Structures are given as C-alpha cells and as structure tokens.
Amino acid sequence: DPTPGDTPRIILVGYGRVGRIVGDILNKQGKPFIGIDVDPEAVARARKAGANVVYGDATQRAFLRKCGLGDAPAVVVTMHDAAAAEHVVAAARAERADLPVIVRARDADHAARLFTLGATEVIREVLEASFEIASTVLQALGMPVGKVIAVIHDERDTRKKRVRAGVPAD
C-alpha cells in the first residue's frame, strides 16, 4: 500500500541496481523516499532489507498520486525501460509543472525525448561512465582535482545544451 506518510517523500521509480544505490544515498542523507518497481521479487527483497518500496505501475498518474506525488519534493526515474521511463515523466509532469523530475537515459536520443516530455535533468548512462573514466585518467596523470571537476563540468554542460537544443550528440 503506497499510502503517503506524514512527511513528503521523493518518489524513486525503478529499484534495480541504479535505484538501490540512489535509495541508499538518500537514506544516508536522511531524505525520505518511496521506491516503486514492477518486479515483485525486487520489491520483496527491498522490503526484506528494510527499504520503503512498493509494487506498482508508475506510468499511471493515479498510482503516482497514491504514492504522494502531490507533495513529493522530486521524482527520480532510474528505470532501464526507455518507453516506460518516458511514460512516467509524462505522467509526473502532467500532474505537477513545478516538480523536479530527474531521469536516467540510455543515450542522447532518449535524453532528448525525456527533455521534450518535461524532464528537469537527464543523466545519460554511458556519458556519465565516460566522464568518470576521464576524470580518473586525468587525476592519474597529475591534474589537480579542482581542474578535473571543472573540465568534466564544462563537458557535461556543453553536451547537455546540445541535447536540449536537439543537436545530434553521442
């Protein structure tokens, strides 16, 4: 039962490998969330481990409302299924124009579709892994951490602007 609690919670859609890590970090930072997944076994494992995760279809606006969408501080979509993630973004955005919606994207084309549907931020899987590798290489070669952070930030910003503008990207 996804009945909302007294405290607004982040809605975390997709509680697989990525969602669990995001949930762990949110827990450590004292940020309440409700996880949603369509895999009953994943939900059972998460609940057994003490996580606040429910089984359900987050593409349905009524279900998102039951999970507390009305006062949620953010929606985070980590689903691997690109089409389902797009439906969740559209459903969340249809309910709340003010809501931060952060989404995992498979690639640049998927990211562009998510931005068009109203995602606030889109994190591209391959791109972020590439940034982490480049960051590690630059640090191993002696570049100061602050400079590495600035280089990666600039690269991320440039690529995000291109995707938002509909310019073909990698």
Protein backbone atom coordinates (compact mmCIF):
# COMPACT_ATOMS: atom_id res chain seq x y z
CA ASP A 1 0.00 0.00 0.00
CA PRO A 2 1.68 3.21 -1.12
CA THR A 3 -0.33 5.39 1.26
CA PRO A 4 1.59 8.64 1.78
CA GLY A 5 3.12 9.24 5.20
CA ASP A 6 3.24 12.47 7.18
CA THR A 7 6.47 13.61 5.53
CA PRO A 8 6.71 14.33 1.81
CA ARG A 9 8.87 11.71 0.13
CA ILE A 10 10.94 11.60 -3.01
CA ILE A 11 9.38 9.17 -5.48
CA LEU A 12 12.06 6.80 -6.78
CA VAL A 13 10.79 4.85 -9.78
CA GLY A 14 12.83 1.76 -10.54
CA TYR A 15 14.51 -0.06 -7.67
CA GLY A 16 17.05 -2.15 -9.54
CA ARG A 17 20.81 -1.66 -9.47
CA VAL A 18 20.72 2.10 -10.04
CA GLY A 19 17.64 2.75 -7.92
CA ARG A 20 19.07 0.86 -4.93
CA ILE A 21 22.23 2.96 -4.99
CA VAL A 22 20.23 6.19 -5.23
CA GLY A 23 18.00 4.96 -2.40
CA ASP A 24 21.00 4.09 -0.22
CA ILE A 25 22.44 7.58 -0.70
CA LEU A 26 19.08 9.23 0.01
CA ASN A 27 18.75 7.16 3.21
CA LYS A 28 22.25 8.12 4.36
CA GLN A 29 21.38 11.78 3.83
CA GLY A 30 18.09 11.50 5.72
CA LYS A 31 15.94 12.09 2.63
CA PRO A 32 12.74 10.03 2.83
CA PHE A 33 11.64 8.27 -0.34
CA ILE A 34 9.21 5.70 -1.60
CA GLY A 35 10.58 3.29 -4.16
CA ILE A 36 8.40 1.83 -6.90
CA ASP A 37 9.16 -1.21 -9.02
CA VAL A 38 7.25 -3.60 -11.29
CA ASP A 39 9.34 -6.61 -10.32
CA PRO A 40 7.65 -8.29 -7.34
CA GLU A 41 10.82 -10.18 -6.42
CA ALA A 42 12.87 -6.97 -6.36
CA VAL A 43 10.20 -5.34 -4.19
CA ALA A 44 10.18 -8.30 -1.79
CA ARG A 45 14.00 -8.23 -1.47
CA ALA A 46 14.00 -4.47 -0.89
CA ARG A 47 11.26 -4.65 1.73
CA LYS A 48 13.02 -7.53 3.48
CA ALA A 49 16.11 -5.30 3.64
CA GLY A 50 14.01 -2.56 5.24
CA ALA A 51 13.53 -0.28 2.23
CA ASN A 52 10.27 1.55 1.67
CA VAL A 53 9.50 0.07 -1.75
CA VAL A 54 6.12 -0.83 -3.24
CA TYR A 55 4.99 -2.81 -6.24
CA GLY A 56 3.13 -0.81 -8.87
CA ASP A 57 2.93 0.86 -12.25
CA ALA A 58 4.36 4.36 -12.01
CA THR A 59 3.22 5.18 -15.55
CA GLN A 60 -0.27 5.56 -14.05
CA ARG A 61 -0.97 9.04 -12.68
CA ALA A 62 -3.45 7.69 -10.10
CA PHE A 63 -0.80 5.37 -8.69
CA LEU A 64 1.75 8.20 -8.52
CA ARG A 65 -0.83 10.28 -6.64
CA LYS A 66 -1.29 7.43 -4.13
CA CYS A 67 2.48 7.44 -3.63
CA GLY A 68 2.43 11.11 -2.65
CA LEU A 69 3.08 12.90 -5.93
CA GLY A 70 1.09 15.92 -4.75
CA ASP A 71 3.70 16.91 -2.19
CA ALA A 72 6.76 14.97 -3.33
CA PRO A 73 9.90 17.12 -3.43
CA ALA A 74 11.14 15.27 -6.55
CA VAL A 75 10.64 12.28 -8.81
CA VAL A 76 13.68 10.21 -9.76
CA VAL A 77 13.30 7.72 -12.61
CA THR A 78 16.01 5.07 -12.85
CA MET A 79 14.14 2.51 -14.95
CA HIS A 80 16.01 0.64 -17.68
CA ASP A 81 12.91 0.50 -19.91
CA ALA A 82 13.14 3.67 -22.03
CA ALA A 83 9.48 3.76 -23.09
CA ALA A 84 8.23 3.21 -19.54
CA ALA A 85 10.54 5.97 -18.25
CA GLU A 86 9.09 8.34 -20.83
CA HIS A 87 5.54 7.48 -19.68
CA VAL A 88 6.49 8.16 -16.05
CA VAL A 89 7.97 11.54 -16.95
CA ALA A 90 4.85 12.48 -18.92
CA ALA A 91 2.56 11.33 -16.09
CA ALA A 92 4.51 13.20 -13.40
CA ARG A 93 4.78 16.35 -15.49
CA ALA A 94 1.05 16.27 -16.30
CA GLU A 95 0.33 16.38 -12.56
CA ARG A 96 2.91 18.95 -11.49
CA ALA A 97 4.68 21.55 -13.60
CA ASP A 98 6.86 22.61 -10.63
CA LEU A 99 8.23 19.18 -9.80
CA PRO A 100 11.92 18.34 -10.30
CA VAL A 101 11.98 15.20 -12.46
CA ILE A 102 15.43 13.59 -12.72
CA VAL A 103 15.73 10.69 -15.15
CA ARG A 104 18.23 8.06 -16.23
CA ALA A 105 18.58 7.96 -20.03
CA ARG A 106 20.01 5.28 -22.25
CA ASP A 107 21.52 7.59 -24.87
CA ALA A 108 21.33 11.06 -26.42
CA ASP A 109 18.15 10.33 -28.40
CA HIS A 110 16.42 9.05 -25.30
CA ALA A 111 17.64 12.09 -23.36
CA ALA A 112 16.23 14.44 -26.00
CA ARG A 113 12.82 12.72 -25.80
CA LEU A 114 12.86 12.95 -21.99
CA PHE A 115 13.65 16.67 -22.08
CA THR A 116 10.81 17.18 -24.57
CA LEU A 117 8.44 15.39 -22.20
CA GLY A 118 9.43 17.72 -19.36
CA ALA A 119 12.32 16.07 -17.52
CA THR A 120 14.20 18.62 -15.44
CA GLU A 121 17.53 16.78 -15.62
CA VAL A 122 18.61 13.75 -17.60
CA ILE A 123 21.58 11.58 -16.70
CA ARG A 124 22.92 9.59 -19.65
CA GLU A 125 24.37 6.23 -18.55
CA VAL A 126 27.24 5.89 -20.99
CA LEU A 127 28.16 9.56 -20.85
CA GLU A 128 28.44 9.59 -17.05
CA ALA A 129 30.56 6.43 -17.07
CA SER A 130 32.78 8.10 -19.67
CA PHE A 131 33.12 11.21 -17.52
CA GLU A 132 34.10 9.10 -14.50
CA ILE A 133 36.76 7.27 -16.52
CA ALA A 134 38.11 10.52 -17.99
CA SER A 135 38.19 12.07 -14.53
CA THR A 136 40.15 9.14 -13.13
CA VAL A 137 42.62 9.24 -16.02
CA LEU A 138 43.20 12.98 -15.69
CA GLN A 139 43.80 12.66 -11.94
CA ALA A 140 46.16 9.70 -12.50
CA LEU A 141 48.12 11.92 -14.88
CA GLY A 142 48.53 14.52 -12.15
CA MET A 143 45.82 17.05 -12.98
CA PRO A 144 44.54 18.73 -9.79
CA VAL A 145 41.11 17.53 -8.66
CA GLY A 146 39.61 21.03 -8.91
CA LYS A 147 40.71 21.34 -12.54
CA VAL A 148 39.36 17.85 -13.33
CA ILE A 149 35.98 18.77 -11.82
CA ALA A 150 35.89 21.96 -13.91
CA VAL A 151 36.79 20.11 -17.13
CA ILE A 152 34.12 17.46 -16.59
CA HIS A 153 31.53 20.07 -15.58
CA ASP A 154 32.18 22.08 -18.75
CA GLU A 155 32.00 18.96 -20.92
CA ARG A 156 28.75 17.83 -19.27
CA ASP A 157 27.20 21.29 -19.67
CA THR A 158 28.19 21.56 -23.34
CA ARG A 159 26.76 18.15 -24.18
CA LYS A 160 23.56 18.75 -22.21
CA LYS A 161 22.95 22.02 -24.06
CA ARG A 162 23.39 20.24 -27.39
CA VAL A 163 20.87 17.55 -26.49
CA ARG A 164 18.32 20.08 -25.18
CA ALA A 165 18.70 22.03 -28.44
CA GLY A 166 18.10 18.88 -30.50
CA VAL A 167 21.61 18.81 -31.94
CA PRO A 168 22.72 15.26 -32.67
CA ALA A 169 25.08 14.09 -29.97
CA ASP A 170 26.88 10.97 -28.85
